Amino acid sequence: MLPLPTRFAGIILAFAPLFVHRSWRHAQPLLIGAILTPGRRTVTSVLRILGRAQGRRFVNAHRILNRAAWCPRTGSRILLGLLVDAFAQRGPVVLGLDDTIERRRGKRIAAKGIYRDPVRSSDSHFVKASGLRWMSLMLLAPIPWVGRIWALPFLTALVPSERACRDRGRRHKPLLDVGRQLALQARRWLPGRDLVLVGDGGFSALLFLDAMRRGGITAITRLRLDAALYEPAPPRPPGTIGRPRTKGARLPTLAARLAAKDTLWHEVAVPGWYGAGARTIEIASGTAVWRHGGLPVVPIRWVLIRDPEARFPPQALLCTDPTREPASIVGWFVRRWTVEVTFQEARAHLGVETQRQWSDTAITRTTPCLLALFSIVTLLAARLPARQRRRVAAAAWYPKPRPTFADALAAVRSAIWRERTLATSPRRHPRTKPRFRLPAPWAYALCHAA
């Protein structure tokens, strides 16, 4: 087992209650090896980077993922507590909810399906991808030494395809139902905090928004410009017979308000506008009731956004809490783009889509663990001295003012390897100078093809 820096022990040992003693002896090296391993995140690669390529009990490491009894949901709760204590101690806890596709093929992967690839597709070009669909809930929090908002995953669930559920005789659970369960689970874990959930236009559904409102979660999503908005229902006169009214008079659509000349616009400076710094935009806001036949009635605050320089088309947002400030709604929604950045960083640096498990249990555990590794690395980097965690991989031809996740991962790896080097130094110096021998894990990481 590699010796860990003392500052890392508190975070790593926080997950020890998930396992029994024998399982933890193999789970802890698996976690450390997943941080140190470059390229593919397979169990064999982890064993090689730890210097256990010749160990005969290698199957014990595989059993942590496909057989050992431990609860990933309990681990998500532990991770959320660590993230909130480190990056969101005050103010509203802003969460991001989105789905992604893990491109996987294989006859034994039962939960896979054929989906539209959102990364490779566009409005005029449709690309299909075979793989697994995941729904991930992330904490959107500012990282002090980075100066940006990072999306930190802590709870990820598999959404099997409709065909896979039909073949197994199970009821298919739609994407919105999985997202609703994840959000309400976070609500139960943080009972006394103000939760704000940010999602894209796919979560702009009345059933989902009504569930968030009743659960005490403020939901912010996109809104169609032609949505049917109404005034609140007028007071019911005494003695009236029949069902109470659920809406008032019909309001103009947001498209009509956008074209109207009497709409009041206000300039707002939004910091961190999609990674391009501060941006000045114009907004118009109001309250209404969003209703559709046979669906719940949701009171909302709508916010119209337009660019004075016309660099992006006008768009509309909604918030299920009408008392929120429009500027805060826009600022929280802009944080949502970091969710896509986290998905890309996890593919590039944490080996998502490179694992090769085919067991159902291992599949449902490996990808959530790799996404959660993004948050664990961020927590470990926060424990490093300021000089180490702010170090960036800059060059004369590539000025880099701020550290990224790749720099944080490199700083954590450097701290772990440095601890191993100091721990293996002999207490007594030999009389003859020993020949330098490259350690086996270093040779594997440096010499073998990626």
Protein backbone atom coordinates (compact mmCIF):
# COMPACT_ATOMS: atom_id res chain seq x y z
CA MET A 1 0.00 0.00 0.00
CA LEU A 2 1.33 3.42 -0.96
CA PRO A 3 1.83 5.71 2.05
CA LEU A 4 -0.54 8.68 1.91
CA PRO A 5 0.23 12.26 2.91
CA THR A 6 -1.22 13.09 6.30
CA ARG A 7 -3.37 15.86 4.84
CA PHE A 8 -5.09 13.33 2.54
CA ALA A 9 -5.88 10.73 5.20
CA GLY A 10 -8.99 12.48 6.54
CA ILE A 11 -10.72 12.49 3.17
CA ILE A 12 -9.75 8.96 2.15
CA LEU A 13 -10.63 7.44 5.53
CA ALA A 14 -14.06 9.11 5.45
CA PHE A 15 -15.16 6.33 3.06
CA ALA A 16 -13.89 3.49 5.24
CA PRO A 17 -17.31 2.91 6.96
CA LEU A 18 -18.70 1.77 3.58
CA PHE A 19 -16.69 -1.46 3.69
CA VAL A 20 -15.83 -4.21 6.08
CA HIS A 21 -12.17 -4.46 7.11
CA ARG A 22 -11.17 -7.02 4.46
CA SER A 23 -12.86 -5.13 1.64
CA TRP A 24 -11.38 -1.80 2.72
CA ARG A 25 -7.88 -3.27 2.41
CA HIS A 26 -8.54 -3.65 -1.33
CA ALA A 27 -10.85 -0.67 -1.88
CA GLN A 28 -8.38 1.91 -0.59
CA PRO A 29 -5.57 0.91 -3.01
CA LEU A 30 -8.16 0.83 -5.80
CA LEU A 31 -9.09 4.46 -5.03
CA ILE A 32 -5.49 5.66 -4.84
CA GLY A 33 -4.54 3.71 -7.95
CA ALA A 34 -7.41 5.23 -9.93
CA ILE A 35 -5.95 8.68 -9.17
CA LEU A 36 -2.42 7.71 -10.17
CA THR A 37 -3.24 5.64 -13.27
CA PRO A 38 -2.90 7.39 -16.64
CA GLY A 39 -4.97 6.33 -19.63
CA ARG A 40 -7.46 3.51 -19.19
CA ARG A 41 -9.02 3.03 -15.76
CA THR A 42 -9.15 -0.74 -15.68
CA VAL A 43 -8.45 -2.77 -12.56
CA THR A 44 -5.36 -4.29 -14.18
CA SER A 45 -3.95 -0.82 -14.90
CA VAL A 46 -4.54 0.16 -11.28
CA LEU A 47 -2.71 -2.93 -10.05
CA ARG A 48 0.24 -2.21 -12.34
CA ILE A 49 0.59 1.40 -11.18
CA LEU A 50 0.59 0.18 -7.58
CA GLY A 51 3.31 -2.38 -8.25
CA ARG A 52 0.99 -5.36 -7.80
CA ALA A 53 1.21 -6.80 -11.29
CA GLN A 54 2.67 -10.04 -9.94
CA GLY A 55 0.25 -10.45 -7.06
CA ARG A 56 -1.69 -13.71 -7.21
CA ARG A 57 -4.74 -12.37 -5.37
CA PHE A 58 -5.62 -9.82 -8.01
CA VAL A 59 -9.19 -11.09 -8.11
CA ASN A 60 -9.88 -9.40 -4.77
CA ALA A 61 -9.59 -6.01 -6.43
CA HIS A 62 -12.15 -7.01 -9.08
CA ARG A 63 -14.58 -8.19 -6.40
CA ILE A 64 -14.79 -4.69 -4.91
CA LEU A 65 -16.72 -3.64 -8.00
CA ASN A 66 -18.65 -6.75 -9.00
CA ARG A 67 -19.35 -8.62 -5.76
CA ALA A 68 -18.48 -6.84 -2.50
CA ALA A 69 -21.39 -5.60 -0.39
CA TRP A 70 -21.23 -1.81 -0.06
CA CYS A 71 -23.72 0.95 -0.75
CA PRO A 72 -22.78 3.59 -3.36
CA ARG A 73 -25.63 5.81 -2.15
CA THR A 74 -24.12 6.01 1.32
CA GLY A 75 -20.82 6.95 -0.29
CA SER A 76 -22.60 9.72 -2.20
CA ARG A 77 -23.95 11.10 1.04
CA ILE A 78 -20.48 11.11 2.60
CA LEU A 79 -19.05 12.84 -0.45
CA LEU A 80 -21.78 15.48 -0.47
CA GLY A 81 -21.08 16.28 3.18
CA LEU A 82 -17.38 16.73 2.44
CA LEU A 83 -18.09 18.98 -0.54
CA VAL A 84 -20.56 21.19 1.31
CA ASP A 85 -18.19 21.60 4.25
CA ALA A 86 -15.35 22.55 1.91
CA PHE A 87 -16.98 24.75 -0.74
CA ALA A 88 -20.59 25.65 0.22
CA GLN A 89 -20.72 26.40 3.91
CA ARG A 90 -22.87 29.51 3.47
CA GLY A 91 -25.63 30.65 1.17
CA PRO A 92 -27.76 28.57 -1.18
CA VAL A 93 -26.48 25.17 -2.29
CA VAL A 94 -26.60 25.27 -6.09
CA LEU A 95 -26.94 21.85 -7.76
CA GLY A 96 -26.69 20.96 -11.42
CA LEU A 97 -28.61 18.06 -12.96
CA ASP A 98 -27.86 16.65 -16.38
CA ASP A 99 -27.52 13.39 -18.28
CA THR A 100 -24.66 12.06 -20.38
CA ILE A 101 -24.00 9.07 -22.61
CA GLU A 102 -21.15 6.67 -21.98
CA ARG A 103 -20.30 5.14 -25.33
CA ARG A 104 -20.02 1.39 -24.71
CA ARG A 105 -20.51 -1.67 -26.87
CA GLY A 106 -20.82 -5.33 -26.02
CA LYS A 107 -23.40 -8.10 -26.01
CA ARG A 108 -23.17 -8.57 -22.24
CA ILE A 109 -23.95 -4.93 -21.43
CA ALA A 110 -27.67 -5.27 -20.92
CA ALA A 111 -28.61 -1.68 -20.02
CA LYS A 112 -27.20 -0.07 -23.18
CA GLY A 113 -29.35 1.61 -25.79
CA ILE A 114 -29.22 3.76 -28.94
CA TYR A 115 -29.36 7.48 -28.16
CA ARG A 116 -28.72 10.80 -29.81
CA ASP A 117 -25.14 11.85 -29.16
CA PRO A 118 -25.42 15.43 -27.84
CA VAL A 119 -21.70 16.11 -28.28
CA ARG A 120 -21.38 15.10 -31.93
CA SER A 121 -24.87 16.11 -33.08
CA SER A 122 -26.07 19.55 -34.10
CA ASP A 123 -29.30 21.12 -35.31
CA SER A 124 -28.66 19.92 -38.85
CA HIS A 125 -26.63 16.77 -38.17
CA PHE A 126 -27.93 13.78 -36.19
CA VAL A 127 -25.46 11.24 -34.76
CA LYS A 128 -26.51 8.10 -32.92
CA ALA A 129 -24.44 6.47 -30.20
CA SER A 130 -24.64 3.08 -28.55
CA GLY A 131 -23.98 3.19 -24.84
CA LEU A 132 -25.25 3.78 -21.34
CA ARG A 133 -27.18 6.81 -20.19
CA TRP A 134 -26.31 8.31 -16.80
CA MET A 135 -28.03 10.99 -14.76
CA SER A 136 -25.62 12.94 -12.57
CA LEU A 137 -26.25 15.43 -9.78
CA MET A 138 -23.40 17.87 -9.12
CA LEU A 139 -22.55 20.65 -6.71
CA LEU A 140 -21.94 23.94 -8.58
CA ALA A 141 -19.59 25.74 -6.22
CA PRO A 142 -16.79 28.31 -6.59
CA ILE A 143 -13.29 26.90 -6.10
CA PRO A 144 -11.25 29.55 -4.25
CA TRP A 145 -7.80 28.94 -5.73
CA VAL A 146 -9.17 28.57 -9.27
CA GLY A 147 -11.46 31.59 -9.34
CA ARG A 148 -14.15 29.70 -11.25
CA ILE A 149 -17.22 27.55 -10.74
CA TRP A 150 -16.64 23.82 -10.91
CA ALA A 151 -19.32 21.14 -11.19
CA LEU A 152 -18.50 18.47 -8.59
CA PRO A 153 -20.39 15.16 -9.09
CA PHE A 154 -21.55 13.30 -6.01
CA LEU A 155 -24.60 11.24 -7.05
CA THR A 156 -24.92 9.41 -10.38
CA ALA A 157 -27.55 6.88 -11.41
CA LEU A 158 -27.90 4.61 -14.43
CA VAL A 159 -30.96 5.08 -16.65
CA PRO A 160 -31.46 1.76 -18.51
CA SER A 161 -32.93 1.86 -21.98
CA GLU A 162 -36.57 1.05 -22.60
CA ARG A 163 -35.68 -2.11 -24.50
CA ALA A 164 -33.47 -3.36 -21.65
CA CYS A 165 -36.28 -2.87 -19.15
CA ARG A 166 -38.75 -4.61 -21.43
CA ASP A 167 -36.44 -7.60 -21.88
CA ARG A 168 -36.09 -7.98 -18.12
CA GLY A 169 -39.78 -7.50 -17.41
CA ARG A 170 -39.29 -4.24 -15.52
CA ARG A 171 -41.07 -0.93 -15.75
CA HIS A 172 -39.09 1.66 -17.64
CA LYS A 173 -38.30 4.75 -15.58
CA PRO A 174 -38.13 7.94 -17.68
CA LEU A 175 -35.25 10.36 -17.42
CA LEU A 176 -37.24 12.97 -15.53
CA ASP A 177 -38.32 10.45 -12.89
CA VAL A 178 -34.69 9.54 -12.20
CA GLY A 179 -33.76 13.20 -11.97
CA ARG A 180 -36.63 13.86 -9.57
CA GLN A 181 -35.50 11.04 -7.30
CA LEU A 182 -31.90 12.28 -7.27
CA ALA A 183 -32.93 15.83 -6.41
CA LEU A 184 -35.28 14.75 -3.63
CA GLN A 185 -32.55 12.48 -2.25
CA ALA A 186 -30.25 15.50 -1.95
CA ARG A 187 -33.10 17.36 -0.25
CA ARG A 188 -33.29 14.66 2.43
CA TRP A 189 -29.53 14.77 2.93
CA LEU A 190 -29.51 18.57 3.38
CA PRO A 191 -32.71 19.28 5.29
CA GLY A 192 -31.79 22.74 6.59
CA ARG A 193 -30.18 24.25 3.50
CA ASP A 194 -31.61 26.34 0.69
CA LEU A 195 -31.34 24.18 -2.45
CA VAL A 196 -31.30 25.59 -5.99
CA LEU A 197 -31.47 23.08 -8.85
CA VAL A 198 -30.32 24.15 -12.32
CA GLY A 199 -31.16 22.16 -15.45
CA ASP A 200 -31.48 22.56 -19.20
CA GLY A 201 -34.66 22.73 -21.22
CA GLY A 202 -35.26 19.00 -20.92
CA PHE A 203 -36.29 19.48 -17.27
CA SER A 204 -38.83 22.17 -18.12
CA ALA A 205 -41.79 19.87 -17.45
CA LEU A 206 -44.71 20.72 -15.18
CA LEU A 207 -44.69 17.40 -13.33
CA PHE A 208 -40.98 17.74 -12.57
CA LEU A 209 -41.22 21.41 -11.58
CA ASP A 210 -44.21 20.76 -9.33
CA ALA A 211 -42.32 17.95 -7.56
CA MET A 212 -39.39 20.29 -6.95
CA ARG A 213 -41.66 23.02 -5.62
CA ARG A 214 -43.43 20.67 -3.23
CA GLY A 215 -40.08 19.25 -2.11
CA GLY A 216 -38.74 22.65 -1.14
CA ILE A 217 -36.26 22.92 -4.04
CA THR A 218 -35.99 25.99 -6.26
CA ALA A 219 -35.76 24.79 -9.88
CA ILE A 220 -34.34 26.97 -12.67
CA THR A 221 -34.63 25.84 -16.29
CA ARG A 222 -35.20 27.25 -19.75
CA LEU A 223 -38.70 28.28 -20.82
CA ARG A 224 -40.28 28.25 -24.24
CA LEU A 225 -41.06 31.65 -25.69
CA ASP A 226 -44.56 30.44 -26.65
CA ALA A 227 -45.46 28.94 -23.25
CA ALA A 228 -49.05 29.48 -22.06
CA LEU A 229 -48.78 31.81 -19.06
CA TYR A 230 -51.70 33.06 -16.98
CA GLU A 231 -52.41 35.34 -14.09
CA PRO A 232 -53.01 33.71 -10.68
CA ALA A 233 -56.52 32.51 -9.96
CA PRO A 234 -58.72 35.26 -8.47
CA PRO A 235 -60.10 34.86 -4.94
CA ARG A 236 -63.04 32.50 -4.76
CA PRO A 237 -66.28 34.31 -3.74
CA PRO A 238 -68.14 32.71 -0.84
CA GLY A 239 -70.95 30.42 -1.84
CA THR A 240 -69.54 29.61 -5.26
CA ILE A 241 -70.43 26.13 -6.52
CA GLY A 242 -68.06 23.92 -8.48
CA ARG A 243 -64.35 23.36 -8.65
CA PRO A 244 -62.10 26.30 -7.81
CA ARG A 245 -60.32 28.08 -10.60
CA THR A 246 -56.65 27.28 -11.17
CA LYS A 247 -55.73 30.22 -13.40
CA GLY A 248 -56.68 33.76 -14.23
CA ALA A 249 -56.61 35.71 -17.46
CA ARG A 250 -54.24 34.69 -20.25
CA LEU A 251 -51.02 36.70 -20.39
CA PRO A 252 -49.08 37.62 -23.53
CA THR A 253 -46.45 35.13 -24.60
CA LEU A 254 -42.81 35.85 -23.98
CA ALA A 255 -42.26 36.16 -27.72
CA ALA A 256 -44.83 38.97 -27.78
CA ARG A 257 -43.16 40.66 -24.80
CA LEU A 258 -39.84 40.39 -26.58
CA ALA A 259 -41.21 42.25 -29.61
CA ALA A 260 -43.25 44.77 -27.60
CA LYS A 261 -41.82 48.29 -27.34
CA ASP A 262 -43.20 48.93 -23.84
CA THR A 263 -41.24 46.08 -22.21
CA LEU A 264 -38.96 47.37 -19.46
CA TRP A 265 -35.38 46.14 -19.85
CA HIS A 266 -32.64 46.41 -17.24
CA GLU A 267 -28.92 46.00 -17.74
CA VAL A 268 -27.23 43.39 -15.58
CA ALA A 269 -23.54 42.40 -15.43
CA VAL A 270 -23.28 38.61 -15.13
CA PRO A 271 -19.89 37.30 -13.93
CA GLY A 272 -18.49 34.14 -15.48
CA TRP A 273 -20.67 34.17 -18.58
CA TYR A 274 -19.97 30.72 -20.04
CA GLY A 275 -16.27 30.98 -19.29
CA ALA A 276 -15.85 34.30 -21.14
CA GLY A 277 -15.70 36.60 -18.12
CA ALA A 278 -18.28 39.21 -17.18
CA ARG A 279 -20.99 39.97 -19.74
CA THR A 280 -23.52 42.80 -19.73
CA ILE A 281 -26.99 41.70 -20.80
CA GLU A 282 -30.52 43.08 -20.68
CA ILE A 283 -33.26 41.29 -18.77
CA ALA A 284 -37.01 41.67 -18.25
CA SER A 285 -38.86 39.73 -15.59
CA GLY A 286 -42.31 39.07 -14.20
CA THR A 287 -44.45 36.50 -12.39
CA ALA A 288 -47.09 34.22 -13.85
CA VAL A 289 -48.75 30.85 -13.56
CA TRP A 290 -47.73 28.14 -16.00
CA ARG A 291 -50.56 25.72 -16.70
CA HIS A 292 -51.44 22.96 -19.14
CA GLY A 293 -54.55 20.83 -19.25
CA GLY A 294 -54.41 17.84 -16.91
CA LEU A 295 -51.05 18.86 -15.37
CA PRO A 296 -50.19 20.66 -12.12
CA VAL A 297 -50.27 24.43 -11.94
CA VAL A 298 -46.86 25.93 -11.17
CA PRO A 299 -46.31 29.58 -10.19
CA ILE A 300 -43.09 30.84 -11.74
CA ARG A 301 -40.94 33.89 -12.28
CA TRP A 302 -39.96 34.27 -15.92
CA VAL A 303 -36.84 36.09 -17.05
CA LEU A 304 -36.27 37.28 -20.62
CA ILE A 305 -32.63 37.68 -21.69
CA ARG A 306 -31.27 39.51 -24.72
CA ASP A 307 -27.81 40.64 -25.74
CA PRO A 308 -27.38 44.34 -26.60
CA GLU A 309 -24.69 43.34 -29.11
CA ALA A 310 -26.88 40.55 -30.61
CA ARG A 311 -24.19 37.89 -30.24
CA PHE A 312 -26.71 35.25 -29.08
CA PRO A 313 -30.46 34.91 -29.69
CA PRO A 314 -32.93 35.93 -26.97
CA GLN A 315 -33.89 33.25 -24.48
CA ALA A 316 -36.15 32.81 -21.48
CA LEU A 317 -35.69 31.23 -18.06
CA LEU A 318 -38.11 30.19 -15.35
CA CYS A 319 -37.79 29.85 -11.60
CA THR A 320 -40.28 28.00 -9.41
CA ASP A 321 -39.77 30.54 -6.60
CA PRO A 322 -41.33 33.85 -7.72
CA THR A 323 -39.58 35.74 -4.88
CA ARG A 324 -36.08 35.20 -6.29
CA GLU A 325 -34.18 38.11 -7.82
CA PRO A 326 -33.90 37.98 -11.62
CA ALA A 327 -30.15 38.71 -11.53
CA SER A 328 -29.59 35.79 -9.15
CA ILE A 329 -31.62 33.49 -11.40
CA VAL A 330 -29.46 34.34 -14.41
CA GLY A 331 -26.24 33.99 -12.38
CA TRP A 332 -27.23 30.56 -11.11
CA PHE A 333 -28.29 29.34 -14.53
CA VAL A 334 -25.00 30.37 -16.13
CA ARG A 335 -23.23 27.93 -13.78
CA ARG A 336 -24.88 25.05 -15.64
CA TRP A 337 -22.31 25.05 -18.46
CA THR A 338 -19.66 23.71 -16.05
CA VAL A 339 -21.55 20.40 -15.95
CA GLU A 340 -20.56 19.74 -19.56
CA VAL A 341 -16.99 20.73 -18.74
CA THR A 342 -16.90 18.14 -15.95
CA PHE A 343 -18.15 15.41 -18.27
CA GLN A 344 -15.41 16.25 -20.76
CA GLU A 345 -12.70 16.43 -18.07
CA ALA A 346 -13.80 13.05 -16.72
CA ARG A 347 -13.45 11.52 -20.17
CA ALA A 348 -10.09 13.14 -20.84
CA HIS A 349 -8.36 12.68 -17.48
CA LEU A 350 -10.28 10.10 -15.41
CA GLY A 351 -10.80 7.36 -17.97
CA VAL A 352 -14.58 7.42 -18.33
CA GLU A 353 -15.56 5.17 -21.28
CA THR A 354 -12.28 3.21 -20.98
CA GLN A 355 -13.35 0.71 -18.31
CA ARG A 356 -14.12 -2.80 -19.51
CA GLN A 357 -16.47 -4.32 -16.94
CA TRP A 358 -19.41 -6.33 -18.24
CA SER A 359 -20.98 -7.39 -14.93
CA ASP A 360 -24.18 -5.48 -14.15
CA THR A 361 -23.04 -4.65 -10.62
CA ALA A 362 -19.62 -3.47 -11.78
CA ILE A 363 -21.14 -1.31 -14.52
CA THR A 364 -23.50 0.46 -12.12
CA ARG A 365 -20.60 1.18 -9.75
CA THR A 366 -17.60 2.01 -11.94
CA THR A 367 -18.81 5.08 -13.84
CA PRO A 368 -20.33 6.79 -10.76
CA CYS A 369 -17.06 6.17 -8.92
CA LEU A 370 -15.02 7.69 -11.75
CA LEU A 371 -17.25 10.76 -11.84
CA ALA A 372 -17.05 11.05 -8.06
CA LEU A 373 -13.27 10.84 -8.43
CA PHE A 374 -13.43 14.33 -9.96
CA SER A 375 -14.81 15.65 -6.66
CA ILE A 376 -12.40 13.61 -4.55
CA VAL A 377 -9.40 14.98 -6.44
CA THR A 378 -10.73 18.51 -5.92
CA LEU A 379 -11.07 17.86 -2.19
CA LEU A 380 -7.54 16.48 -2.02
CA ALA A 381 -6.18 19.46 -3.94
CA ALA A 382 -7.87 21.78 -1.44
CA ARG A 383 -5.76 20.21 1.31
CA LEU A 384 -2.50 21.01 -0.47
CA PRO A 385 -0.46 24.15 0.29
CA ALA A 386 -1.44 27.17 -1.76
CA ARG A 387 1.79 27.14 -3.74
CA GLN A 388 1.27 23.56 -4.91
CA ARG A 389 -2.39 23.75 -5.83
CA ARG A 390 -1.93 26.99 -7.80
CA ARG A 391 0.88 25.58 -9.91
CA VAL A 392 -0.08 25.43 -13.58
CA ALA A 393 1.47 23.60 -16.51
CA ALA A 394 2.32 26.74 -18.47
CA ALA A 395 4.92 27.22 -21.23
CA ALA A 396 6.42 30.05 -23.21
CA TRP A 397 3.99 29.39 -26.06
CA TYR A 398 0.97 28.71 -23.82
CA PRO A 399 0.30 31.25 -21.08
CA LYS A 400 -2.08 29.76 -18.55
CA PRO A 401 -3.28 32.22 -15.89
CA ARG A 402 -5.47 29.83 -13.87
CA PRO A 403 -5.10 26.18 -12.88
CA THR A 404 -7.48 23.63 -14.36
CA PHE A 405 -8.53 20.18 -13.24
CA ALA A 406 -5.53 18.67 -15.02
CA ASP A 407 -3.27 20.81 -12.84
CA ALA A 408 -5.15 19.78 -9.69
CA LEU A 409 -4.83 16.11 -10.64
CA ALA A 410 -1.10 16.54 -11.31
CA ALA A 411 -0.61 18.26 -7.93
CA VAL A 412 -2.39 15.43 -6.09
CA ARG A 413 -0.37 12.79 -7.93
CA SER A 414 2.86 14.63 -7.17
CA ALA A 415 2.03 14.75 -3.47
CA ILE A 416 1.30 11.01 -3.36
CA TRP A 417 4.45 10.04 -5.26
CA ARG A 418 6.54 12.40 -3.14
CA GLU A 419 5.27 10.73 0.02
CA ARG A 420 6.21 7.33 -1.38
CA THR A 421 9.72 8.51 -2.26
CA LEU A 422 10.34 9.90 1.21
CA ALA A 423 8.93 6.81 2.88
CA THR A 424 11.27 4.46 1.02
CA SER A 425 14.46 6.39 1.81
CA PRO A 426 16.84 4.25 3.90
CA ARG A 427 17.65 5.37 7.42
CA ARG A 428 21.35 4.50 7.08
CA HIS A 429 23.31 5.52 4.06
CA PRO A 430 25.40 2.71 2.53
CA ARG A 431 29.09 3.16 2.03
CA THR A 432 28.86 2.56 -1.70
CA LYS A 433 26.58 4.60 -3.88
CA PRO A 434 23.68 2.35 -5.03
CA ARG A 435 22.71 2.22 -8.67
CA PHE A 436 19.51 4.06 -9.44
CA ARG A 437 16.64 1.75 -10.30
CA LEU A 438 13.42 3.10 -11.69
CA PRO A 439 10.46 1.85 -9.63
CA ALA A 440 8.13 -0.52 -11.47
CA PRO A 441 5.03 1.74 -11.22
CA TRP A 442 6.99 4.68 -12.65
CA ALA A 443 8.32 2.53 -15.46
CA TYR A 444 4.80 1.42 -16.34
CA ALA A 445 3.46 4.99 -16.32
CA LEU A 446 6.33 6.47 -18.33
CA CYS A 447 7.39 3.76 -20.77
CA HIS A 448 4.23 1.94 -21.83
CA ALA A 449 1.98 3.29 -24.52
CA ALA A 450 -1.01 5.33 -23.41
